[in-house]
Amino acid sequence: MIRINLIGARKKTRRRDAGERALAAMGAAVLLGLIGSIWLAASASAELQRRVRENDAVKDDIERLKGELGDYDKVKEQRQDLLKQHKTIDALKTGRTGPVYLLRELSEILTPHKGPSFDRITYDERLRRDPNMGFNAGWDPRRLWLESFEEVQHKVRIRGSARTNEDVAEFLKRLQLSVFFAEVTPESTSQVAESVAAGGARHVTFNLSARLVY
């Protein structure tokens, strides 16, 4: 009788099966790892896109609110101008000693889209000699405010502040053109820095004198 030893073959088969199972397990693990990496990358991309959309939505809301409420810095600046303009009016009321029409003239000079009372013929002649003699009808008088207006025997001294030297020059030009003011003379100007609480901006203080015609 011929005997065949199958034990070795069975061991080899079992080892081969075990190796195949190990390889299959490793392949499955690698495949799961790839799937997990792809899922994480997709999740991260989706989260990034979501945050970008949220950020864009916030920007759109900010722009919309700016459109509805206006620029905050501009509104703040306008508020400061109005407060200073009220101080100018108070200064006129406190220091007034001349006729009412003189104060009205000064008020017209410091009112937007208005200007001084002047002789048209003389004014046109000045413009022909020097085009720079004309006043700027579009100037915003809220950029300048008076702090004192003192009159003694038809002589007046005016002290105030403005945003720039150009604003002071425009105010002087308007006084010089007015039929109620003569011998308008600038005496001093100086640059001043506001406090940090007030915004830290710089402005100009000025003093001038003139003779009143009334």
N, C-alpha and C. Protein backbone atom coordinates (compact mmCIF):
# COMPACT_ATOMS: atom_id res chain seq x y z
N MET A 1 0.88 -1.19 0.00
CA MET A 1 0.00 0.00 0.00
C MET A 1 0.91 1.23 0.00
N ILE A 2 0.52 2.20 -0.84
CA ILE A 2 1.31 3.44 -0.92
C ILE A 2 0.70 4.46 0.01
N ARG A 3 1.53 5.06 0.90
CA ARG A 3 1.05 6.10 1.82
C ARG A 3 1.58 7.45 1.37
N ILE A 4 0.64 8.43 1.37
CA ILE A 4 1.02 9.80 0.98
C ILE A 4 0.87 10.70 2.20
N ASN A 5 1.92 11.46 2.52
CA ASN A 5 1.89 12.37 3.68
C ASN A 5 1.28 13.71 3.23
N LEU A 6 0.05 13.99 3.67
CA LEU A 6 -0.65 15.25 3.31
C LEU A 6 -0.53 16.33 4.37
N ILE A 7 0.15 16.01 5.46
CA ILE A 7 0.25 17.00 6.55
C ILE A 7 0.99 18.23 6.11
N GLY A 8 2.13 18.02 5.40
CA GLY A 8 2.92 19.17 4.93
C GLY A 8 2.16 20.02 3.97
N ALA A 9 1.40 19.36 3.07
CA ALA A 9 0.61 20.14 2.09
C ALA A 9 -0.46 20.94 2.77
N ARG A 10 -1.07 20.33 3.81
CA ARG A 10 -2.10 21.07 4.53
C ARG A 10 -1.51 22.29 5.24
N LYS A 11 -0.30 22.12 5.80
CA LYS A 11 0.33 23.24 6.50
C LYS A 11 0.65 24.36 5.53
N LYS A 12 1.16 23.94 4.32
CA LYS A 12 1.47 24.95 3.31
C LYS A 12 0.21 25.69 2.88
N THR A 13 -0.89 24.96 2.72
CA THR A 13 -2.15 25.58 2.30
C THR A 13 -2.65 26.55 3.37
N ARG A 14 -2.53 26.10 4.64
CA ARG A 14 -2.99 26.99 5.72
C ARG A 14 -2.14 28.25 5.79
N ARG A 15 -0.81 28.09 5.59
CA ARG A 15 0.06 29.27 5.64
C ARG A 15 -0.27 30.23 4.48
N ARG A 16 -0.53 29.63 3.30
CA ARG A 16 -0.86 30.47 2.15
C ARG A 16 -2.17 31.22 2.38
N ASP A 17 -3.16 30.49 2.96
CA ASP A 17 -4.44 31.13 3.25
C ASP A 17 -4.28 32.24 4.27
N ALA A 18 -3.44 31.97 5.30
CA ALA A 18 -3.21 33.00 6.33
C ALA A 18 -2.54 34.22 5.73
N GLY A 19 -1.57 34.01 4.82
CA GLY A 19 -0.90 35.14 4.18
C GLY A 19 -1.85 35.94 3.33
N GLU A 20 -2.71 35.21 2.61
CA GLU A 20 -3.68 35.91 1.78
C GLU A 20 -4.64 36.74 2.62
N ARG A 21 -5.04 36.12 3.76
CA ARG A 21 -5.95 36.88 4.65
C ARG A 21 -5.26 38.12 5.21
N ALA A 22 -3.95 37.96 5.54
CA ALA A 22 -3.19 39.11 6.07
C ALA A 22 -3.09 40.21 5.02
N LEU A 23 -2.78 39.78 3.78
CA LEU A 23 -2.69 40.76 2.70
C LEU A 23 -4.04 41.44 2.46
N ALA A 24 -5.11 40.61 2.51
CA ALA A 24 -6.43 41.18 2.32
C ALA A 24 -6.77 42.17 3.42
N ALA A 25 -6.36 41.82 4.68
CA ALA A 25 -6.62 42.72 5.80
C ALA A 25 -5.84 44.01 5.66
N MET A 26 -4.56 43.90 5.22
CA MET A 26 -3.75 45.10 5.02
C MET A 26 -4.33 45.97 3.91
N GLY A 27 -4.78 45.29 2.83
CA GLY A 27 -5.38 46.05 1.74
C GLY A 27 -6.64 46.76 2.18
N ALA A 28 -7.45 46.03 3.00
CA ALA A 28 -8.67 46.66 3.50
C ALA A 28 -8.35 47.85 4.39
N ALA A 29 -7.28 47.68 5.22
CA ALA A 29 -6.90 48.77 6.12
C ALA A 29 -6.42 49.98 5.33
N VAL A 30 -5.60 49.69 4.28
CA VAL A 30 -5.13 50.81 3.44
C VAL A 30 -6.29 51.48 2.74
N LEU A 31 -7.23 50.68 2.23
CA LEU A 31 -8.40 51.23 1.55
C LEU A 31 -9.23 52.08 2.49
N LEU A 32 -9.42 51.56 3.74
CA LEU A 32 -10.17 52.34 4.73
C LEU A 32 -9.45 53.65 5.06
N GLY A 33 -8.11 53.55 5.15
CA GLY A 33 -7.34 54.77 5.42
C GLY A 33 -7.49 55.80 4.32
N LEU A 34 -7.44 55.32 3.05
CA LEU A 34 -7.63 56.24 1.93
C LEU A 34 -9.02 56.86 1.94
N ILE A 35 -10.00 55.98 2.21
CA ILE A 35 -11.37 56.50 2.27
C ILE A 35 -11.51 57.53 3.38
N GLY A 36 -10.90 57.23 4.55
CA GLY A 36 -10.96 58.18 5.66
C GLY A 36 -10.28 59.50 5.32
N SER A 37 -9.10 59.41 4.65
CA SER A 37 -8.38 60.63 4.27
C SER A 37 -9.20 61.47 3.30
N ILE A 38 -9.80 60.77 2.31
CA ILE A 38 -10.63 61.48 1.34
C ILE A 38 -11.82 62.14 2.03
N TRP A 39 -12.42 61.42 2.98
CA TRP A 39 -13.59 61.97 3.69
C TRP A 39 -13.19 63.18 4.52
N LEU A 40 -12.02 63.07 5.22
CA LEU A 40 -11.56 64.21 6.01
C LEU A 40 -11.26 65.41 5.13
N ALA A 41 -10.61 65.16 3.99
CA ALA A 41 -10.29 66.26 3.08
C ALA A 41 -11.56 66.91 2.55
N ALA A 42 -12.54 66.07 2.20
CA ALA A 42 -13.81 66.61 1.70
C ALA A 42 -14.52 67.40 2.79
N SER A 43 -14.47 66.89 4.03
CA SER A 43 -15.11 67.59 5.15
C SER A 43 -14.43 68.94 5.40
N ALA A 44 -13.07 68.92 5.36
CA ALA A 44 -12.33 70.16 5.57
C ALA A 44 -12.64 71.18 4.48
N SER A 45 -12.71 70.71 3.22
CA SER A 45 -13.03 71.60 2.11
C SER A 45 -14.44 72.18 2.26
N ALA A 46 -15.38 71.31 2.66
CA ALA A 46 -16.76 71.79 2.85
C ALA A 46 -16.83 72.81 3.98
N GLU A 47 -16.08 72.57 5.08
CA GLU A 47 -16.07 73.51 6.20
C GLU A 47 -15.45 74.84 5.79
N LEU A 48 -14.36 74.78 4.98
CA LEU A 48 -13.72 76.00 4.50
C LEU A 48 -14.68 76.81 3.63
N GLN A 49 -15.37 76.11 2.73
CA GLN A 49 -16.33 76.81 1.88
C GLN A 49 -17.46 77.42 2.69
N ARG A 50 -17.89 76.70 3.74
CA ARG A 50 -18.96 77.23 4.59
C ARG A 50 -18.50 78.51 5.29
N ARG A 51 -17.26 78.48 5.81
CA ARG A 51 -16.75 79.66 6.50
C ARG A 51 -16.54 80.83 5.54
N VAL A 52 -16.12 80.52 4.31
CA VAL A 52 -15.96 81.58 3.31
C VAL A 52 -17.32 82.22 3.00
N ARG A 53 -18.36 81.38 2.87
CA ARG A 53 -19.71 81.91 2.62
C ARG A 53 -20.17 82.76 3.80
N GLU A 54 -19.90 82.29 5.03
CA GLU A 54 -20.30 83.07 6.21
C GLU A 54 -19.56 84.41 6.24
N ASN A 55 -18.27 84.38 5.92
CA ASN A 55 -17.47 85.61 5.91
C ASN A 55 -17.99 86.58 4.86
N ASP A 56 -18.31 86.06 3.67
CA ASP A 56 -18.87 86.91 2.62
C ASP A 56 -20.21 87.51 3.05
N ALA A 57 -21.01 86.69 3.76
CA ALA A 57 -22.31 87.18 4.23
C ALA A 57 -22.13 88.30 5.24
N VAL A 58 -21.12 88.16 6.14
CA VAL A 58 -20.85 89.21 7.13
C VAL A 58 -20.40 90.48 6.43
N LYS A 59 -19.52 90.36 5.42
CA LYS A 59 -19.07 91.53 4.67
C LYS A 59 -20.24 92.23 3.99
N ASP A 60 -21.13 91.42 3.41
CA ASP A 60 -22.32 92.00 2.76
C ASP A 60 -23.18 92.75 3.77
N ASP A 61 -23.32 92.18 4.99
CA ASP A 61 -24.11 92.85 6.03
C ASP A 61 -23.47 94.17 6.45
N ILE A 62 -22.13 94.17 6.55
CA ILE A 62 -21.42 95.40 6.93
C ILE A 62 -21.63 96.48 5.88
N GLU A 63 -21.48 96.11 4.61
CA GLU A 63 -21.68 97.08 3.54
C GLU A 63 -23.12 97.59 3.52
N ARG A 64 -24.06 96.68 3.78
CA ARG A 64 -25.47 97.09 3.81
C ARG A 64 -25.72 98.08 4.94
N LEU A 65 -25.14 97.77 6.13
CA LEU A 65 -25.34 98.67 7.26
C LEU A 65 -24.68 100.02 7.02
N LYS A 66 -23.52 100.01 6.36
CA LYS A 66 -22.88 101.28 6.03
C LYS A 66 -23.77 102.10 5.11
N GLY A 67 -24.40 101.39 4.16
CA GLY A 67 -25.29 102.09 3.25
C GLY A 67 -26.50 102.67 3.95
N GLU A 68 -26.99 101.94 4.98
CA GLU A 68 -28.17 102.41 5.70
C GLU A 68 -27.83 103.49 6.73
N LEU A 69 -26.72 103.32 7.41
CA LEU A 69 -26.37 104.24 8.50
C LEU A 69 -25.38 105.31 8.08
N GLY A 70 -24.73 105.13 6.93
CA GLY A 70 -23.72 106.08 6.51
C GLY A 70 -22.39 105.76 7.16
N ASP A 71 -21.34 106.36 6.63
CA ASP A 71 -20.01 106.12 7.18
C ASP A 71 -19.88 106.73 8.56
N TYR A 72 -19.44 105.91 9.53
CA TYR A 72 -19.40 106.36 10.93
C TYR A 72 -18.48 107.56 11.10
N ASP A 73 -17.30 107.51 10.47
CA ASP A 73 -16.35 108.62 10.63
C ASP A 73 -16.91 109.91 10.07
N LYS A 74 -17.63 109.79 8.94
CA LYS A 74 -18.21 111.00 8.34
C LYS A 74 -19.30 111.56 9.22
N VAL A 75 -20.14 110.67 9.77
CA VAL A 75 -21.21 111.12 10.67
C VAL A 75 -20.61 111.77 11.91
N LYS A 76 -19.55 111.18 12.45
CA LYS A 76 -18.90 111.74 13.63
C LYS A 76 -18.34 113.12 13.34
N GLU A 77 -17.72 113.26 12.15
CA GLU A 77 -17.15 114.56 11.77
C GLU A 77 -18.24 115.61 11.61
N GLN A 78 -19.35 115.23 10.99
CA GLN A 78 -20.46 116.17 10.82
C GLN A 78 -21.02 116.59 12.17
N ARG A 79 -21.09 115.65 13.11
CA ARG A 79 -21.59 115.97 14.45
C ARG A 79 -20.68 116.99 15.13
N GLN A 80 -19.36 116.79 15.00
CA GLN A 80 -18.42 117.73 15.60
C GLN A 80 -18.57 119.12 14.98
N ASP A 81 -18.76 119.16 13.65
CA ASP A 81 -18.94 120.45 12.98
C ASP A 81 -20.20 121.17 13.48
N LEU A 82 -21.27 120.40 13.68
CA LEU A 82 -22.51 121.00 14.16
C LEU A 82 -22.35 121.54 15.57
N LEU A 83 -21.65 120.79 16.42
CA LEU A 83 -21.41 121.26 17.79
C LEU A 83 -20.60 122.56 17.78
N LYS A 84 -19.60 122.61 16.91
CA LYS A 84 -18.77 123.83 16.84
C LYS A 84 -19.57 124.99 16.26
N GLN A 85 -20.47 124.69 15.32
CA GLN A 85 -21.31 125.74 14.75
C GLN A 85 -22.24 126.31 15.81
N HIS A 86 -22.73 125.46 16.71
CA HIS A 86 -23.57 125.95 17.82
C HIS A 86 -22.75 126.88 18.72
N LYS A 87 -21.48 126.55 18.93
CA LYS A 87 -20.62 127.41 19.73
C LYS A 87 -20.43 128.76 19.06
N THR A 88 -20.33 128.74 17.71
CA THR A 88 -20.21 130.00 16.97
C THR A 88 -21.43 130.88 17.18
N ILE A 89 -22.61 130.28 17.09
CA ILE A 89 -23.86 131.04 17.29
C ILE A 89 -23.91 131.59 18.71
N ASP A 90 -23.52 130.76 19.69
CA ASP A 90 -23.52 131.22 21.08
C ASP A 90 -22.56 132.39 21.27
N ALA A 91 -21.40 132.31 20.59
CA ALA A 91 -20.43 133.40 20.70
C ALA A 91 -21.00 134.69 20.14
N LEU A 92 -21.73 134.60 19.03
CA LEU A 92 -22.35 135.79 18.45
C LEU A 92 -23.38 136.38 19.40
N LYS A 93 -24.17 135.51 20.02
CA LYS A 93 -25.20 135.99 20.94
C LYS A 93 -24.59 136.63 22.18
N THR A 94 -23.50 136.03 22.68
CA THR A 94 -22.88 136.53 23.91
C THR A 94 -22.16 137.85 23.69
N GLY A 95 -21.44 137.96 22.54
CA GLY A 95 -20.60 139.13 22.33
C GLY A 95 -21.22 140.21 21.48
N ARG A 96 -22.48 140.10 21.12
CA ARG A 96 -23.05 141.07 20.20
C ARG A 96 -23.23 142.44 20.87
N THR A 97 -22.73 143.47 20.17
CA THR A 97 -22.91 144.85 20.63
C THR A 97 -23.33 145.74 19.47
N GLY A 98 -23.13 145.26 18.22
CA GLY A 98 -23.48 146.06 17.05
C GLY A 98 -24.92 145.86 16.65
N PRO A 99 -25.33 146.51 15.56
CA PRO A 99 -26.70 146.39 15.06
C PRO A 99 -27.04 144.96 14.68
N VAL A 100 -28.32 144.68 14.65
CA VAL A 100 -28.79 143.34 14.32
C VAL A 100 -28.38 142.96 12.91
N TYR A 101 -28.45 143.90 11.96
CA TYR A 101 -28.13 143.55 10.58
C TYR A 101 -26.66 143.18 10.41
N LEU A 102 -25.77 143.71 11.28
CA LEU A 102 -24.37 143.31 11.22
C LEU A 102 -24.20 141.85 11.63
N LEU A 103 -24.90 141.46 12.69
CA LEU A 103 -24.86 140.07 13.12
C LEU A 103 -25.49 139.15 12.08
N ARG A 104 -26.53 139.66 11.43
CA ARG A 104 -27.15 138.86 10.39
C ARG A 104 -26.17 138.67 9.23
N GLU A 105 -25.39 139.69 8.92
CA GLU A 105 -24.39 139.59 7.85
C GLU A 105 -23.35 138.53 8.20
N LEU A 106 -22.89 138.53 9.43
CA LEU A 106 -21.91 137.54 9.86
C LEU A 106 -22.51 136.14 9.81
N SER A 107 -23.77 136.04 10.17
CA SER A 107 -24.45 134.75 10.10
C SER A 107 -24.56 134.26 8.66
N GLU A 108 -24.83 135.17 7.71
CA GLU A 108 -24.90 134.80 6.29
C GLU A 108 -23.54 134.31 5.80
N ILE A 109 -22.49 134.98 6.25
CA ILE A 109 -21.14 134.57 5.86
C ILE A 109 -20.83 133.16 6.33
N LEU A 110 -21.40 132.78 7.48
CA LEU A 110 -21.14 131.47 8.08
C LEU A 110 -22.28 130.48 7.84
N THR A 111 -23.06 130.69 6.80
CA THR A 111 -24.16 129.78 6.46
C THR A 111 -23.85 129.09 5.14
N PRO A 112 -24.02 127.75 5.08
CA PRO A 112 -23.74 127.04 3.82
C PRO A 112 -24.54 127.60 2.65
N HIS A 113 -23.87 127.71 1.49
CA HIS A 113 -24.47 128.15 0.23
C HIS A 113 -24.89 129.62 0.25
N LYS A 114 -24.37 130.38 1.22
CA LYS A 114 -24.61 131.82 1.24
C LYS A 114 -23.26 132.53 1.26
N GLY A 115 -23.26 133.83 1.47
CA GLY A 115 -22.01 134.57 1.44
C GLY A 115 -22.22 136.00 1.88
N PRO A 116 -21.21 136.84 1.67
CA PRO A 116 -21.28 138.22 2.13
C PRO A 116 -22.13 139.10 1.23
N SER A 117 -22.56 140.23 1.79
CA SER A 117 -23.23 141.26 0.98
C SER A 117 -22.13 142.12 0.36
N PHE A 118 -22.13 142.27 -0.97
CA PHE A 118 -21.04 143.01 -1.61
C PHE A 118 -21.59 143.81 -2.79
N ASP A 119 -20.80 144.77 -3.17
CA ASP A 119 -21.15 145.59 -4.32
C ASP A 119 -20.74 144.84 -5.59
N ARG A 120 -21.72 144.52 -6.44
CA ARG A 120 -21.47 143.67 -7.61
C ARG A 120 -20.47 144.31 -8.57
N ILE A 121 -20.58 145.61 -8.80
CA ILE A 121 -19.69 146.27 -9.75
C ILE A 121 -18.24 146.21 -9.26
N THR A 122 -18.07 146.53 -7.98
CA THR A 122 -16.72 146.48 -7.40
C THR A 122 -16.19 145.06 -7.41
N TYR A 123 -17.07 144.11 -7.11
CA TYR A 123 -16.67 142.69 -7.07
C TYR A 123 -16.21 142.21 -8.44
N ASP A 124 -17.00 142.55 -9.48
CA ASP A 124 -16.63 142.13 -10.83
C ASP A 124 -15.32 142.77 -11.27
N GLU A 125 -15.10 144.01 -10.86
CA GLU A 125 -13.84 144.69 -11.21
C GLU A 125 -12.66 143.99 -10.54
N ARG A 126 -12.85 143.59 -9.28
CA ARG A 126 -11.79 142.86 -8.57
C ARG A 126 -11.48 141.54 -9.28
N LEU A 127 -12.53 140.85 -9.72
CA LEU A 127 -12.33 139.56 -10.39
C LEU A 127 -11.59 139.73 -11.71
N ARG A 128 -11.83 140.82 -12.40
CA ARG A 128 -11.11 141.06 -13.65
C ARG A 128 -9.63 141.29 -13.38
N ARG A 129 -9.33 141.98 -12.29
CA ARG A 129 -7.93 142.22 -11.95
C ARG A 129 -7.26 140.96 -11.41
N ASP A 130 -8.01 140.19 -10.60
CA ASP A 130 -7.44 138.99 -9.98
C ASP A 130 -8.55 137.97 -9.76
N PRO A 131 -8.62 136.91 -10.58
CA PRO A 131 -9.69 135.91 -10.43
C PRO A 131 -9.69 135.24 -9.05
N ASN A 132 -8.56 135.28 -8.36
CA ASN A 132 -8.48 134.66 -7.03
C ASN A 132 -9.18 135.48 -5.94
N MET A 133 -9.64 136.67 -6.30
CA MET A 133 -10.30 137.52 -5.30
C MET A 133 -11.72 137.04 -5.00
N GLY A 134 -12.29 136.20 -5.86
CA GLY A 134 -13.66 135.73 -5.65
C GLY A 134 -13.75 134.74 -4.50
N PHE A 135 -14.89 134.73 -3.82
CA PHE A 135 -15.06 133.77 -2.72
C PHE A 135 -15.62 132.47 -3.27
N ASN A 136 -15.42 131.40 -2.53
CA ASN A 136 -15.85 130.06 -2.93
C ASN A 136 -17.27 129.81 -2.43
N ALA A 137 -18.24 129.84 -3.36
CA ALA A 137 -19.64 129.66 -2.97
C ALA A 137 -19.91 128.26 -2.43
N GLY A 138 -19.07 127.28 -2.77
CA GLY A 138 -19.28 125.91 -2.30
C GLY A 138 -18.58 125.58 -1.00
N TRP A 139 -17.93 126.58 -0.39
CA TRP A 139 -17.22 126.34 0.87
C TRP A 139 -18.22 125.98 1.97
N ASP A 140 -17.83 125.05 2.83
CA ASP A 140 -18.68 124.64 3.96
C ASP A 140 -18.26 125.43 5.20
N PRO A 141 -19.05 126.44 5.62
CA PRO A 141 -18.67 127.26 6.77
C PRO A 141 -18.61 126.50 8.08
N ARG A 142 -19.15 125.28 8.11
CA ARG A 142 -19.08 124.50 9.34
C ARG A 142 -17.65 124.06 9.65
N ARG A 143 -16.75 124.28 8.71
CA ARG A 143 -15.34 123.97 8.94
C ARG A 143 -14.64 125.05 9.75
N LEU A 144 -15.39 126.11 10.09
CA LEU A 144 -14.83 127.21 10.87
C LEU A 144 -15.82 127.61 11.95
N TRP A 145 -15.32 127.93 13.13
CA TRP A 145 -16.21 128.33 14.22
C TRP A 145 -15.56 129.47 15.01
N LEU A 146 -16.41 130.40 15.47
CA LEU A 146 -15.93 131.56 16.23
C LEU A 146 -16.01 131.27 17.72
N GLU A 147 -15.04 131.84 18.44
CA GLU A 147 -14.99 131.67 19.89
C GLU A 147 -15.23 132.98 20.64
N SER A 148 -14.92 134.10 19.98
CA SER A 148 -15.22 135.39 20.61
C SER A 148 -15.37 136.46 19.52
N PHE A 149 -16.23 137.45 19.81
CA PHE A 149 -16.51 138.56 18.89
C PHE A 149 -16.66 139.79 19.77
N GLU A 150 -15.60 140.61 19.85
CA GLU A 150 -15.58 141.74 20.77
C GLU A 150 -15.48 143.04 19.99
N GLU A 151 -16.43 143.93 20.24
CA GLU A 151 -16.47 145.21 19.52
C GLU A 151 -16.31 146.36 20.50
N VAL A 152 -15.45 147.30 20.14
CA VAL A 152 -15.27 148.53 20.92
C VAL A 152 -15.16 149.68 19.91
N GLN A 153 -16.13 150.59 19.93
CA GLN A 153 -16.14 151.77 19.08
C GLN A 153 -15.89 151.42 17.61
N HIS A 154 -16.71 150.53 17.10
CA HIS A 154 -16.68 150.11 15.70
C HIS A 154 -15.42 149.33 15.32
N LYS A 155 -14.61 148.98 16.29
CA LYS A 155 -13.46 148.12 16.05
C LYS A 155 -13.79 146.74 16.64
N VAL A 156 -13.54 145.71 15.86
CA VAL A 156 -13.89 144.37 16.32
C VAL A 156 -12.67 143.46 16.28
N ARG A 157 -12.61 142.59 17.27
CA ARG A 157 -11.58 141.56 17.30
C ARG A 157 -12.31 140.21 17.32
N ILE A 158 -11.91 139.35 16.41
CA ILE A 158 -12.56 138.04 16.28
C ILE A 158 -11.52 136.95 16.54
N ARG A 159 -11.88 136.02 17.39
CA ARG A 159 -11.01 134.87 17.66
C ARG A 159 -11.79 133.60 17.36
N GLY A 160 -11.14 132.64 16.69
CA GLY A 160 -11.84 131.40 16.36
C GLY A 160 -10.89 130.30 15.95
N SER A 161 -11.46 129.23 15.42
CA SER A 161 -10.68 128.07 14.97
C SER A 161 -11.26 127.56 13.66
N ALA A 162 -10.45 126.81 12.94
CA ALA A 162 -10.88 126.23 11.67
C ALA A 162 -10.11 124.94 11.44
N ARG A 163 -10.58 124.19 10.47
CA ARG A 163 -9.92 122.93 10.18
C ARG A 163 -8.56 123.15 9.51
N THR A 164 -8.48 124.11 8.59
CA THR A 164 -7.23 124.34 7.87
C THR A 164 -7.00 125.84 7.68
N ASN A 165 -5.80 126.19 7.25
CA ASN A 165 -5.50 127.58 6.92
C ASN A 165 -6.33 128.07 5.74
N GLU A 166 -6.68 127.14 4.83
CA GLU A 166 -7.51 127.52 3.67
C GLU A 166 -8.90 127.97 4.13
N ASP A 167 -9.42 127.35 5.19
CA ASP A 167 -10.72 127.76 5.71
C ASP A 167 -10.63 129.17 6.32
N VAL A 168 -9.54 129.45 7.02
CA VAL A 168 -9.34 130.79 7.57
C VAL A 168 -9.24 131.81 6.44
N ALA A 169 -8.51 131.47 5.38
CA ALA A 169 -8.36 132.39 4.25
C ALA A 169 -9.70 132.68 3.59
N GLU A 170 -10.56 131.66 3.46
CA GLU A 170 -11.88 131.86 2.87
C GLU A 170 -12.73 132.80 3.73
N PHE A 171 -12.66 132.62 5.04
CA PHE A 171 -13.42 133.48 5.96
C PHE A 171 -12.94 134.93 5.84
N LEU A 172 -11.62 135.12 5.79
CA LEU A 172 -11.06 136.47 5.65
C LEU A 172 -11.51 137.10 4.33
N LYS A 173 -11.50 136.31 3.27
CA LYS A 173 -11.90 136.83 1.96
C LYS A 173 -13.36 137.30 2.00
N ARG A 174 -14.21 136.54 2.65
CA ARG A 174 -15.62 136.92 2.75
C ARG A 174 -15.81 138.20 3.57
N LEU A 175 -15.06 138.33 4.65
CA LEU A 175 -15.14 139.56 5.45
C LEU A 175 -14.67 140.76 4.63
N GLN A 176 -13.58 140.58 3.88
CA GLN A 176 -13.03 141.68 3.08
C GLN A 176 -13.98 142.11 1.96
N LEU A 177 -14.79 141.17 1.46
CA LEU A 177 -15.75 141.52 0.41
C LEU A 177 -17.02 142.16 0.97
N SER A 178 -17.32 141.90 2.24
CA SER A 178 -18.56 142.38 2.83
C SER A 178 -18.56 143.90 2.94
N VAL A 179 -19.73 144.50 2.67
CA VAL A 179 -19.85 145.96 2.76
C VAL A 179 -19.90 146.42 4.22
N PHE A 180 -20.02 145.48 5.16
CA PHE A 180 -20.10 145.83 6.58
C PHE A 180 -18.76 145.75 7.30
N PHE A 181 -17.71 145.27 6.60
CA PHE A 181 -16.39 145.14 7.22
C PHE A 181 -15.35 145.84 6.36
N ALA A 182 -14.41 146.49 7.04
CA ALA A 182 -13.31 147.16 6.34
C ALA A 182 -12.03 146.96 7.16
N GLU A 183 -10.91 147.13 6.48
CA GLU A 183 -9.60 147.00 7.14
C GLU A 183 -9.47 145.67 7.88
N VAL A 184 -9.92 144.61 7.21
CA VAL A 184 -9.83 143.28 7.81
C VAL A 184 -8.37 142.85 7.81
N THR A 185 -7.86 142.57 9.00
CA THR A 185 -6.43 142.28 9.16
C THR A 185 -6.22 140.99 9.96
N PRO A 186 -5.61 139.96 9.36
CA PRO A 186 -5.26 138.77 10.14
C PRO A 186 -4.11 139.07 11.08
N GLU A 187 -4.21 138.65 12.31
CA GLU A 187 -3.19 138.97 13.30
C GLU A 187 -2.32 137.75 13.65
N SER A 188 -2.92 136.58 13.75
CA SER A 188 -2.12 135.39 14.06
C SER A 188 -2.90 134.12 13.73
N THR A 189 -2.16 133.08 13.39
CA THR A 189 -2.73 131.74 13.21
C THR A 189 -1.74 130.73 13.80
N SER A 190 -2.25 129.61 14.27
CA SER A 190 -1.38 128.58 14.82
C SER A 190 -2.04 127.22 14.71
N GLN A 191 -1.22 126.20 14.52
CA GLN A 191 -1.70 124.82 14.44
C GLN A 191 -1.84 124.26 15.86
N VAL A 192 -2.96 123.57 16.10
CA VAL A 192 -3.22 123.00 17.42
C VAL A 192 -3.69 121.56 17.23
N ALA A 193 -3.20 120.66 18.09
CA ALA A 193 -3.65 119.26 18.06
C ALA A 193 -4.71 119.06 19.12
N GLU A 194 -5.84 118.45 18.73
CA GLU A 194 -6.90 118.16 19.68
C GLU A 194 -6.50 117.00 20.58
N SER A 195 -7.21 116.83 21.67
CA SER A 195 -6.93 115.74 22.60
C SER A 195 -7.26 114.40 21.95
N VAL A 196 -6.71 113.34 22.52
CA VAL A 196 -6.99 111.99 22.02
C VAL A 196 -8.48 111.69 22.10
N ALA A 197 -9.12 112.15 23.19
CA ALA A 197 -10.57 111.91 23.37
C ALA A 197 -11.38 112.56 22.26
N ALA A 198 -10.88 113.66 21.71
CA ALA A 198 -11.59 114.38 20.64
C ALA A 198 -11.20 113.88 19.26
N GLY A 199 -10.36 112.87 19.20
CA GLY A 199 -9.99 112.29 17.92
C GLY A 199 -8.56 112.55 17.50
N GLY A 200 -7.86 113.46 18.21
CA GLY A 200 -6.46 113.71 17.92
C GLY A 200 -6.19 114.48 16.64
N ALA A 201 -7.23 115.03 16.00
CA ALA A 201 -7.04 115.76 14.75
C ALA A 201 -6.40 117.13 15.03
N ARG A 202 -5.82 117.71 13.99
CA ARG A 202 -5.22 119.04 14.11
C ARG A 202 -6.16 120.08 13.52
N HIS A 203 -6.14 121.29 14.11
CA HIS A 203 -6.91 122.39 13.55
C HIS A 203 -6.12 123.68 13.73
N VAL A 204 -6.66 124.77 13.22
CA VAL A 204 -5.97 126.06 13.23
C VAL A 204 -6.76 127.05 14.08
N THR A 205 -6.07 127.76 14.95
CA THR A 205 -6.69 128.86 15.67
C THR A 205 -6.26 130.17 15.01
N PHE A 206 -7.11 131.20 15.09
CA PHE A 206 -6.77 132.46 14.43
C PHE A 206 -7.33 133.65 15.23
N ASN A 207 -6.70 134.79 15.01
CA ASN A 207 -7.16 136.07 15.55
C ASN A 207 -7.12 137.10 14.41
N LEU A 208 -8.14 137.94 14.35
CA LEU A 208 -8.15 138.99 13.33
C LEU A 208 -8.86 140.22 13.88
N SER A 209 -8.63 141.33 13.23
CA SER A 209 -9.29 142.58 13.60
C SER A 209 -9.90 143.20 12.37
N ALA A 210 -10.88 144.07 12.57
CA ALA A 210 -11.53 144.75 11.44
C ALA A 210 -12.26 145.98 11.95
N ARG A 211 -12.61 146.84 11.02
CA ARG A 211 -13.44 148.00 11.33
C ARG A 211 -14.83 147.74 10.81
N LEU A 212 -15.83 148.03 11.64
CA LEU A 212 -17.21 147.80 11.28
C LEU A 212 -17.77 149.03 10.58
N VAL A 213 -18.53 148.80 9.52
CA VAL A 213 -19.12 149.89 8.76
C VAL A 213 -20.63 149.88 9.00
N TYR A 214 -21.08 150.77 9.91
CA TYR A 214 -22.51 150.92 10.16
C TYR A 214 -22.75 152.25 10.87
